[in-house]
Amino acid sequence: MPPLRPPFEPAPATTRGPAPGPAPTADGARSQIVLAFDDNRHASVLFGQYGQNLALIERRLGVTAEQRGNHVTLEGSRDGVEQARRVLESLYENIKRGQDLASGDVEGAIRQAIAQGSLFDFDPAATRSGFEQINLRKRPVRARTTAQDTYIQALRRHALVFGTGPAGTGKTWLAVAHAVSLFERKEVDRIILSRPAVEAGERLGFLPGDLREKVDPYLRPIYDALHDMMDARIVERALQTNEIEIAPLAFMRGRTLSNAVVILDEAQNTTAMQMKMFLTRLGENSRMIVTGDPSQVDLPSGQVSGLAEATRLLDGVEGIGITKFGAEDVVRHELVARIVAVYDKADAARRRGDKG
């Protein structure tokens, strides 16, 4: 094993009962190390309430993690133990820098360790220190999966970015974070939020209240993201001055959007004509981010989703980035990923049956 960086101090391995059978690794070897953390308070945060973070690491990496005070003993396959060590090391460093630790951060660190490869092919010199991060005044927002990492890179490089995939993968969350970062750095003057208001029909007239009150229920996830990333007073002031603007898709026709970040959410419920209309609103020094879940289309049967058509037609066009998320990228509760995977499997079987 390579020497561990402080504050991690491997202790000599100890024997605990009969040696277990060989693990399915490249050389069949098993490993055990003890990590010592120099700050009890930080270690407590790292391990999680009732050791829930260690339990997640155990389930995902196939190791055992036994906690005693500010020490944790890792045992399992050599790859699993090494990946668990990397996870704990990176998370502890984040905690020392004052960053909060949520279960999603633990899952993200696990996925990053897996993506970096096994003990035998891992090259620290050839690997970035971590996933991409969006720096905000309130707090940084870091990618938690490889797809999210790719998505953030696309947001920085392209004027038009599509993010498609199931709920809980962070498509809209990261889109809002990127928009806020550009707004805070004064690279754009406005953030414009849009979506098909009532499924595909956009029937707003019979809802009570003014335009903002009519659309509010449908944009609640975006509002939640804004308030989590910006001070509430700044959000409200920006809404009053139209620096943050709510614009239902039906009201976008005829506009040219300049010096703005425009986010179209739930885009799977746009028609092909609506999507073309929206994309051609892009003005000077503007960015567009289009998000949606192709598996949850609410359009009338037989009508083509504008999101599906746009990602098919525009794939490979210079200046446009398309990131596709899957069930493995879900960063909500781990059960959500399993639920999405089961539904995807059922949908695939149904499509095969239709073709047969």
Protein backbone atom coordinates (compact mmCIF):
# COMPACT_ATOMS: atom_id res chain seq x y z
CA MET A 1 0.00 0.00 0.00
CA PRO A 2 1.29 3.52 -0.75
CA PRO A 3 1.86 5.75 2.30
CA LEU A 4 -1.21 7.66 3.37
CA ARG A 5 -1.26 11.44 3.57
CA PRO A 6 -1.96 13.11 6.92
CA PRO A 7 -4.23 13.05 8.85
CA PHE A 8 -4.53 9.38 7.92
CA GLU A 9 -2.16 6.99 9.68
CA PRO A 10 -2.40 3.32 8.77
CA ALA A 11 -2.05 1.07 11.76
CA PRO A 12 -0.67 -2.45 11.55
CA ALA A 13 -3.30 -4.93 10.42
CA THR A 14 -4.66 -7.15 13.15
CA THR A 15 -6.10 -10.64 12.88
CA ARG A 16 -9.78 -10.96 13.77
CA GLY A 17 -10.71 -14.63 13.77
CA PRO A 18 -10.21 -17.08 10.88
CA ALA A 19 -8.99 -15.54 7.66
CA PRO A 20 -11.82 -14.99 5.18
CA GLY A 21 -11.85 -16.62 1.75
CA PRO A 22 -10.30 -14.93 -1.27
CA ALA A 23 -12.12 -11.90 -2.65
CA PRO A 24 -12.81 -11.56 -6.39
CA THR A 25 -9.93 -9.17 -7.16
CA ALA A 26 -7.09 -9.25 -9.65
CA ASP A 27 -4.83 -11.22 -7.29
CA GLY A 28 -7.42 -12.59 -4.83
CA ALA A 29 -5.86 -10.58 -1.99
CA ARG A 30 -7.67 -8.99 0.93
CA SER A 31 -6.55 -5.95 2.85
CA GLN A 32 -7.09 -4.27 6.18
CA ILE A 33 -6.02 -0.78 7.24
CA VAL A 34 -6.79 1.50 10.18
CA LEU A 35 -7.27 5.22 9.50
CA ALA A 36 -6.81 7.72 12.32
CA PHE A 37 -8.37 11.21 12.14
CA ASP A 38 -6.84 14.03 14.15
CA ASP A 39 -10.04 15.97 14.92
CA ASN A 40 -12.79 14.14 16.80
CA ARG A 41 -15.46 16.67 15.81
CA HIS A 42 -14.64 16.44 12.11
CA ALA A 43 -14.42 12.65 12.37
CA SER A 44 -17.92 12.53 13.86
CA VAL A 45 -19.28 14.51 10.92
CA LEU A 46 -17.40 12.25 8.50
CA PHE A 47 -18.79 9.03 9.94
CA GLY A 48 -22.33 10.42 10.03
CA GLN A 49 -25.10 10.12 12.57
CA TYR A 50 -25.13 6.55 13.91
CA GLY A 51 -22.37 5.77 11.37
CA GLN A 52 -24.70 6.15 8.38
CA ASN A 53 -21.97 7.41 6.06
CA LEU A 54 -19.76 4.44 6.90
CA ALA A 55 -22.73 2.14 6.32
CA LEU A 56 -23.21 3.63 2.84
CA ILE A 57 -19.52 3.11 2.04
CA GLU A 58 -19.82 -0.51 3.21
CA ARG A 59 -22.83 -1.20 0.96
CA ARG A 60 -21.43 0.49 -2.13
CA LEU A 61 -17.81 -0.71 -1.98
CA GLY A 62 -18.26 -4.14 -0.38
CA VAL A 63 -16.02 -3.48 2.62
CA THR A 64 -16.51 -3.49 6.36
CA ALA A 65 -15.87 -0.23 8.23
CA GLU A 66 -15.56 -0.57 12.01
CA GLN A 67 -15.46 2.68 13.95
CA ARG A 68 -13.77 3.15 17.32
CA GLY A 69 -13.51 6.74 18.48
CA ASN A 70 -11.75 8.71 15.78
CA HIS A 71 -10.36 5.54 14.16
CA VAL A 72 -11.97 3.40 11.49
CA THR A 73 -10.84 -0.06 10.40
CA LEU A 74 -11.43 -0.88 6.74
CA GLU A 75 -11.38 -4.50 5.64
CA GLY A 76 -12.19 -6.14 2.33
CA SER A 77 -10.76 -6.56 -1.14
CA ARG A 78 -7.69 -4.49 -1.92
CA ASP A 79 -9.61 -2.41 -4.47
CA GLY A 80 -12.53 -1.85 -2.12
CA VAL A 81 -10.35 -0.82 0.81
CA GLU A 82 -8.31 1.55 -1.37
CA GLN A 83 -11.46 3.15 -2.81
CA ALA A 84 -12.97 3.51 0.68
CA ARG A 85 -9.75 5.14 1.87
CA ARG A 86 -9.90 7.65 -1.00
CA VAL A 87 -13.53 8.42 -0.17
CA LEU A 88 -12.86 9.07 3.51
CA GLU A 89 -9.73 11.06 2.74
CA SER A 90 -11.41 13.40 0.27
CA LEU A 91 -14.50 13.92 2.44
CA TYR A 92 -12.41 14.64 5.54
CA GLU A 93 -10.42 17.28 3.68
CA ASN A 94 -13.68 18.93 2.55
CA ILE A 95 -14.97 18.98 6.12
CA LYS A 96 -11.71 20.56 7.33
CA ARG A 97 -12.23 23.32 4.75
CA GLY A 98 -15.61 24.07 6.32
CA GLN A 99 -17.83 22.40 3.73
CA ASP A 100 -21.09 20.79 4.79
CA LEU A 101 -21.44 17.04 4.27
CA ALA A 102 -24.67 15.54 2.94
CA SER A 103 -25.43 11.95 1.99
CA GLY A 104 -25.26 12.98 -1.66
CA ASP A 105 -21.68 14.16 -1.13
CA VAL A 106 -20.75 10.74 0.23
CA GLU A 107 -22.36 9.04 -2.76
CA GLY A 108 -20.56 11.44 -5.08
CA ALA A 109 -17.18 10.68 -3.49
CA ILE A 110 -17.87 6.96 -3.81
CA ARG A 111 -18.70 7.29 -7.50
CA GLN A 112 -15.60 9.38 -8.07
CA ALA A 113 -13.41 6.75 -6.40
CA ILE A 114 -14.97 4.03 -8.56
CA ALA A 115 -14.50 6.13 -11.70
CA GLN A 116 -10.80 6.62 -10.86
CA GLY A 117 -10.25 2.90 -11.31
CA SER A 118 -8.90 0.06 -9.27
CA LEU A 119 -5.85 -0.07 -7.05
CA PHE A 120 -3.90 -1.57 -9.93
CA ASP A 121 -4.63 1.02 -12.64
CA PHE A 122 -5.14 4.19 -10.57
CA ASP A 123 -2.69 6.93 -11.53
CA PRO A 124 -2.98 9.94 -9.19
CA ALA A 125 -0.83 12.07 -11.51
CA ALA A 126 -3.23 11.49 -14.41
CA THR A 127 -6.41 12.07 -12.41
CA ARG A 128 -7.99 15.39 -11.52
CA SER A 129 -8.18 16.07 -7.80
CA GLY A 130 -11.98 16.07 -7.90
CA PHE A 131 -15.13 16.62 -9.89
CA GLU A 132 -15.90 20.05 -11.32
CA GLN A 133 -17.17 22.70 -8.91
CA ILE A 134 -19.38 25.76 -9.37
CA ASN A 135 -18.30 28.54 -7.01
CA LEU A 136 -21.12 30.63 -5.56
CA ARG A 137 -21.07 33.35 -2.90
CA LYS A 138 -23.23 31.31 -0.56
CA ARG A 139 -21.49 27.95 -1.00
CA PRO A 140 -19.77 25.88 -3.68
CA VAL A 141 -21.75 23.28 -5.63
CA ARG A 142 -19.72 20.26 -6.69
CA ALA A 143 -20.56 17.53 -9.21
CA ARG A 144 -21.31 14.20 -7.58
CA THR A 145 -21.22 11.87 -10.59
CA THR A 146 -19.21 11.55 -13.79
CA ALA A 147 -22.23 12.69 -15.82
CA GLN A 148 -22.65 15.78 -13.62
CA ASP A 149 -18.95 16.49 -14.06
CA THR A 150 -19.35 16.30 -17.85
CA TYR A 151 -22.48 18.49 -17.63
CA ILE A 152 -20.68 21.28 -15.76
CA GLN A 153 -17.87 21.21 -18.31
CA ALA A 154 -20.44 21.49 -21.12
CA LEU A 155 -22.15 24.41 -19.37
CA ARG A 156 -18.85 26.28 -19.27
CA ARG A 157 -17.93 25.57 -22.89
CA HIS A 158 -21.17 25.88 -24.84
CA ALA A 159 -23.83 28.56 -25.37
CA LEU A 160 -26.57 25.93 -25.63
CA VAL A 161 -26.63 22.83 -23.43
CA PHE A 162 -29.18 20.02 -23.15
CA GLY A 163 -29.38 17.92 -20.00
CA THR A 164 -31.66 14.89 -20.31
CA GLY A 165 -32.38 12.02 -17.96
CA PRO A 166 -34.48 10.83 -15.02
CA ALA A 167 -35.54 12.83 -11.99
CA GLY A 168 -32.98 13.28 -9.24
CA THR A 169 -29.88 13.45 -11.43
CA GLY A 170 -29.24 17.15 -10.79
CA LYS A 171 -29.98 18.47 -14.29
CA THR A 172 -32.01 21.50 -13.17
CA TRP A 173 -30.08 21.96 -9.93
CA LEU A 174 -26.74 22.39 -11.70
CA ALA A 175 -28.32 24.52 -14.44
CA VAL A 176 -29.55 26.97 -11.79
CA ALA A 177 -26.17 26.89 -10.02
CA HIS A 178 -24.38 27.75 -13.27
CA ALA A 179 -26.85 30.55 -14.02
CA VAL A 180 -26.40 32.02 -10.53
CA SER A 181 -22.59 31.89 -10.85
CA LEU A 182 -22.72 33.84 -14.13
CA PHE A 183 -25.18 36.32 -12.63
CA GLU A 184 -23.03 36.87 -9.51
CA ARG A 185 -19.93 37.46 -11.65
CA LYS A 186 -21.97 39.94 -13.77
CA GLU A 187 -21.26 37.99 -16.94
CA VAL A 188 -25.00 38.18 -17.63
CA ASP A 189 -27.66 40.69 -16.57
CA ARG A 190 -30.60 38.36 -16.10
CA ILE A 191 -31.73 34.82 -15.34
CA ILE A 192 -34.88 33.76 -17.21
CA LEU A 193 -36.76 30.67 -16.06
CA SER A 194 -39.27 28.98 -18.33
CA ARG A 195 -41.23 25.76 -18.75
CA PRO A 196 -44.48 24.47 -20.21
CA ALA A 197 -46.82 25.63 -17.46
CA VAL A 198 -49.59 23.04 -17.31
CA GLU A 199 -48.17 19.97 -18.97
CA ALA A 200 -48.06 20.73 -22.71
CA GLY A 201 -51.21 22.84 -22.93
CA GLU A 202 -50.04 25.86 -20.89
CA ARG A 203 -53.62 26.64 -19.84
CA LEU A 204 -52.94 29.45 -17.36
CA GLY A 205 -56.12 31.50 -17.65
CA PHE A 206 -58.26 29.68 -15.12
CA LEU A 207 -55.58 29.62 -12.41
CA PRO A 208 -55.95 32.37 -9.76
CA GLY A 209 -53.53 35.27 -9.38
CA ASP A 210 -51.18 37.25 -11.60
CA LEU A 211 -48.73 35.67 -14.03
CA ARG A 212 -46.09 34.91 -11.41
CA GLU A 213 -48.65 33.37 -9.05
CA LYS A 214 -50.04 31.23 -11.87
CA VAL A 215 -46.64 29.84 -12.79
CA ASP A 216 -45.13 29.56 -9.28
CA PRO A 217 -46.37 26.00 -8.55
CA TYR A 218 -44.73 24.67 -11.68
CA LEU A 219 -41.38 26.36 -11.02
CA ARG A 220 -41.18 25.46 -7.33
CA PRO A 221 -38.11 23.17 -7.78
CA ILE A 222 -36.25 26.04 -9.46
CA TYR A 223 -37.30 28.48 -6.72
CA ASP A 224 -36.04 26.02 -4.10
CA ALA A 225 -32.69 25.81 -5.90
CA LEU A 226 -32.43 29.61 -6.15
CA HIS A 227 -33.10 30.10 -2.45
CA ASP A 228 -30.58 27.41 -1.55
CA MET A 229 -27.87 29.05 -3.65
CA MET A 230 -28.62 32.75 -3.03
CA ASP A 231 -29.67 34.86 -0.07
CA ALA A 232 -33.49 35.01 0.05
CA ARG A 233 -33.50 38.83 0.07
CA ILE A 234 -31.36 38.93 -3.08
CA VAL A 235 -33.70 36.46 -4.81
CA GLU A 236 -36.79 38.50 -3.95
CA ARG A 237 -35.18 41.77 -5.00
CA ALA A 238 -34.02 40.24 -8.29
CA LEU A 239 -37.55 38.95 -8.95
CA GLN A 240 -39.01 42.42 -8.33
CA THR A 241 -36.51 44.09 -10.67
CA ASN A 242 -36.88 41.36 -13.32
CA GLU A 243 -33.22 40.44 -13.01
CA ILE A 244 -34.69 37.00 -12.36
CA GLU A 245 -37.67 36.61 -14.67
CA ILE A 246 -40.41 33.99 -14.83
CA ALA A 247 -41.50 33.51 -18.43
CA PRO A 248 -43.90 30.69 -19.38
CA LEU A 249 -42.98 29.15 -22.70
CA ALA A 250 -46.09 30.59 -24.36
CA PHE A 251 -44.81 34.12 -23.59
CA MET A 252 -41.37 33.61 -25.18
CA ARG A 253 -42.54 34.00 -28.78
CA GLY A 254 -41.19 37.09 -30.54
CA ARG A 255 -38.53 37.88 -27.94
CA THR A 256 -34.77 38.10 -28.44
CA LEU A 257 -32.96 37.24 -25.22
CA SER A 258 -29.62 39.00 -24.82
CA ASN A 259 -27.15 39.08 -21.89
CA ALA A 260 -29.10 36.39 -20.09
CA VAL A 261 -29.05 32.78 -18.94
CA VAL A 262 -32.29 31.12 -20.04
CA ILE A 263 -33.34 27.81 -18.46
CA LEU A 264 -36.13 25.75 -20.01
CA ASP A 265 -37.19 23.06 -17.56
CA GLU A 266 -39.46 20.04 -18.20
CA ALA A 267 -38.67 20.45 -21.89
CA GLN A 268 -39.94 16.97 -22.75
CA ASN A 269 -43.42 18.53 -22.76
CA THR A 270 -42.66 21.00 -25.52
CA THR A 271 -43.85 20.34 -29.05
CA ALA A 272 -41.36 20.37 -31.91
CA MET A 273 -42.60 23.83 -32.97
CA GLN A 274 -42.37 25.22 -29.42
CA MET A 275 -38.82 23.94 -29.06
CA LYS A 276 -37.73 25.50 -32.36
CA MET A 277 -39.36 28.78 -31.31
CA PHE A 278 -37.55 28.71 -27.97
CA LEU A 279 -34.10 27.86 -29.34
CA THR A 280 -34.27 30.67 -31.89
CA ARG A 281 -34.73 33.24 -29.08
CA LEU A 282 -31.00 33.00 -28.28
CA GLY A 283 -29.46 36.47 -28.44
CA GLU A 284 -26.05 38.05 -28.05
CA ASN A 285 -24.03 37.04 -24.97
CA SER A 286 -26.74 34.64 -23.83
CA ARG A 287 -26.67 31.03 -22.68
CA MET A 288 -29.51 28.51 -22.92
CA ILE A 289 -29.89 25.41 -20.78
CA VAL A 290 -32.64 22.92 -21.68
CA THR A 291 -33.50 20.14 -19.23
CA GLY A 292 -36.04 17.35 -19.28
CA ASP A 293 -36.84 13.69 -18.72
CA PRO A 294 -37.66 11.92 -22.02
CA SER A 295 -39.38 9.11 -20.11
CA GLN A 296 -42.06 11.45 -18.67
CA VAL A 297 -43.64 13.00 -21.75
CA ASP A 298 -47.19 14.28 -21.15
CA LEU A 299 -47.94 15.28 -24.73
CA PRO A 300 -50.96 13.76 -26.49
CA SER A 301 -50.33 10.31 -27.91
CA GLY A 302 -48.54 10.42 -31.25
CA GLN A 303 -47.14 13.94 -30.81
CA VAL A 304 -43.36 14.21 -31.03
CA SER A 305 -41.54 15.68 -28.04
CA GLY A 306 -39.59 18.80 -28.95
CA LEU A 307 -36.81 17.71 -26.59
CA ALA A 308 -36.39 14.32 -28.28
CA GLU A 309 -36.36 15.87 -31.73
CA ALA A 310 -33.93 18.66 -30.78
CA THR A 311 -31.37 16.35 -29.15
CA ARG A 312 -31.54 14.06 -32.19
CA LEU A 313 -31.18 16.81 -34.79
CA LEU A 314 -28.61 18.94 -32.95
CA ASP A 315 -26.32 16.18 -31.71
CA GLY A 316 -22.81 16.99 -32.92
CA VAL A 317 -23.54 20.60 -33.91
CA GLU A 318 -20.64 22.87 -32.97
CA GLY A 319 -21.36 25.05 -29.93
CA ILE A 320 -24.06 22.72 -28.55
CA GLY A 321 -23.49 20.33 -25.66
CA ILE A 322 -25.74 17.36 -24.85
CA THR A 323 -25.36 15.44 -21.59
CA LYS A 324 -27.46 12.32 -21.01
CA PHE A 325 -27.98 11.14 -17.44
CA GLY A 326 -29.00 7.63 -16.41
CA ALA A 327 -30.33 5.81 -13.36
CA GLU A 328 -26.75 5.45 -12.11
CA ASP A 329 -26.54 9.26 -11.86
CA VAL A 330 -29.47 9.71 -9.46
CA VAL A 331 -28.17 11.55 -6.39
CA ARG A 332 -31.31 11.58 -4.26
CA HIS A 333 -32.08 8.69 -1.92
CA GLU A 334 -30.37 5.53 -3.18
CA LEU A 335 -33.79 3.87 -3.58
CA VAL A 336 -34.66 6.42 -6.28
CA ALA A 337 -31.90 5.03 -8.52
CA ARG A 338 -33.26 1.52 -8.08
CA ILE A 339 -36.81 2.65 -8.83
CA VAL A 340 -35.68 4.45 -11.99
CA ALA A 341 -33.70 1.38 -13.12
CA VAL A 342 -36.75 -0.90 -12.68
CA TYR A 343 -38.99 1.45 -14.66
CA ASP A 344 -36.35 1.79 -17.40
CA LYS A 345 -36.17 -2.00 -17.66
CA ALA A 346 -39.95 -2.25 -17.90
CA ASP A 347 -40.08 0.47 -20.58
CA ALA A 348 -37.39 -1.28 -22.62
CA ALA A 349 -39.28 -4.59 -22.41
CA ARG A 350 -42.51 -2.85 -23.49
CA ARG A 351 -40.77 -1.26 -26.48
CA ARG A 352 -39.37 -4.64 -27.53
CA GLY A 353 -42.86 -6.08 -27.28
CA ASP A 354 -44.32 -3.29 -29.42
CA LYS A 355 -41.71 -3.90 -32.12
CA GLY A 356 -42.36 -7.63 -32.00
